[in-house]
């Protein structure tokens, strides 16, 4: 689980958008660009190189 106070100060490093925590998949997801950042052992890895781009919808 990620502390809600930490989520309030985190921002997406790619676009500076707000983020939310997906507990089921243990990922931090940007609400603006959709990038997904992994959470490992309770620590958000907020690096663009470690992120996944959102799935494309055609």
C-alpha atoms as a PDB file:
ATOM      1  CA  UNK A   1       0.000   0.000   0.000  1.00  0.00           C
ATOM      2  CA  UNK A   2       1.208   3.491  -0.845  1.00  0.00           C
ATOM      3  CA  UNK A   3       0.757   6.296   1.672  1.00  0.00           C
ATOM      4  CA  UNK A   4      -1.929   8.738   0.483  1.00  0.00           C
ATOM      5  CA  UNK A   5       0.231  11.706   1.500  1.00  0.00           C
ATOM      6  CA  UNK A   6       2.970  10.430  -0.807  1.00  0.00           C
ATOM      7  CA  UNK A   7       0.479  10.111  -3.680  1.00  0.00           C
ATOM      8  CA  UNK A   8      -0.565  13.722  -3.153  1.00  0.00           C
ATOM      9  CA  UNK A   9       2.967  14.998  -3.791  1.00  0.00           C
ATOM     10  CA  UNK A  10       3.968  12.585  -6.578  1.00  0.00           C
ATOM     11  CA  UNK A  11       3.696  13.716 -10.190  1.00  0.00           C
ATOM     12  CA  UNK A  12       4.345  11.966 -13.469  1.00  0.00           C
ATOM     13  CA  UNK A  13       7.929  12.731 -14.541  1.00  0.00           C
ATOM     14  CA  UNK A  14       6.905  12.629 -18.221  1.00  0.00           C
ATOM     15  CA  UNK A  15       4.056  15.182 -18.198  1.00  0.00           C
ATOM     16  CA  UNK A  16       3.819  16.405 -14.569  1.00  0.00           C
ATOM     17  CA  UNK A  17       0.265  15.059 -14.328  1.00  0.00           C
ATOM     18  CA  UNK A  18      -1.418  13.764 -11.180  1.00  0.00           C
ATOM     19  CA  UNK A  19      -1.091  10.077 -10.371  1.00  0.00           C
ATOM     20  CA  UNK A  20      -3.179   7.385  -8.694  1.00  0.00           C
ATOM     21  CA  UNK A  21      -2.289   3.994  -7.245  1.00  0.00           C
ATOM     22  CA  UNK A  22      -3.538   0.724  -8.736  1.00  0.00           C
ATOM     23  CA  UNK A  23      -3.160  -1.661  -5.776  1.00  0.00           C
ATOM     24  CA  UNK A  24      -4.219  -4.750  -7.735  1.00  0.00           C
ATOM     25  CA  UNK A  25      -1.403  -4.357 -10.275  1.00  0.00           C
ATOM     26  CA  UNK A  26       1.002  -2.488  -7.953  1.00  0.00           C
ATOM     27  CA  UNK A  27       1.440   0.434 -10.334  1.00  0.00           C
ATOM     28  CA  UNK A  28       1.301   4.206 -10.148  1.00  0.00           C
ATOM     29  CA  UNK A  29      -0.749   5.474 -13.105  1.00  0.00           C
ATOM     30  CA  UNK A  30      -0.692   9.007 -14.501  1.00  0.00           C
ATOM     31  CA  UNK A  31      -4.193  10.410 -14.899  1.00  0.00           C
ATOM     32  CA  UNK A  32      -3.006  12.696 -17.731  1.00  0.00           C
ATOM     33  CA  UNK A  33      -0.808  10.659 -20.111  1.00  0.00           C
ATOM     34  CA  UNK A  34      -1.585   7.172 -18.790  1.00  0.00           C
ATOM     35  CA  UNK A  35       2.000   6.068 -18.175  1.00  0.00           C
ATOM     36  CA  UNK A  36       2.294   3.286 -15.603  1.00  0.00           C
ATOM     37  CA  UNK A  37       5.138   3.193 -13.091  1.00  0.00           C
ATOM     38  CA  UNK A  38       5.959   0.017 -11.139  1.00  0.00           C
ATOM     39  CA  UNK A  39       5.892  -0.227  -7.354  1.00  0.00           C
ATOM     40  CA  UNK A  40       8.558  -2.577  -6.012  1.00  0.00           C
ATOM     41  CA  UNK A  41       8.579  -3.578  -2.352  1.00  0.00           C
ATOM     42  CA  UNK A  42       6.329  -0.613  -1.576  1.00  0.00           C
ATOM     43  CA  UNK A  43       8.561   1.912  -3.376  1.00  0.00           C
ATOM     44  CA  UNK A  44       7.246   3.739  -6.464  1.00  0.00           C
ATOM     45  CA  UNK A  45       9.810   3.660  -9.284  1.00  0.00           C
ATOM     46  CA  UNK A  46       9.080   7.029 -10.897  1.00  0.00           C
ATOM     47  CA  UNK A  47      11.544   6.798 -13.791  1.00  0.00           C
ATOM     48  CA  UNK A  48      10.424   7.305 -17.390  1.00  0.00           C
ATOM     49  CA  UNK A  49      12.717   4.465 -18.523  1.00  0.00           C
ATOM     50  CA  UNK A  50      10.971   2.090 -16.100  1.00  0.00           C
ATOM     51  CA  UNK A  51       7.442   3.126 -17.096  1.00  0.00           C
ATOM     52  CA  UNK A  52       5.031   1.489 -19.498  1.00  0.00           C
ATOM     53  CA  UNK A  53       3.091   3.507 -22.019  1.00  0.00           C
ATOM     54  CA  UNK A  54      -0.686   3.180 -21.897  1.00  0.00           C
ATOM     55  CA  UNK A  55      -2.277   0.535 -24.106  1.00  0.00           C
ATOM     56  CA  UNK A  56      -3.244   1.922 -27.500  1.00  0.00           C
ATOM     57  CA  UNK A  57      -6.908   2.038 -28.411  1.00  0.00           C
ATOM     58  CA  UNK A  58      -7.421   2.157 -32.179  1.00  0.00           C
END
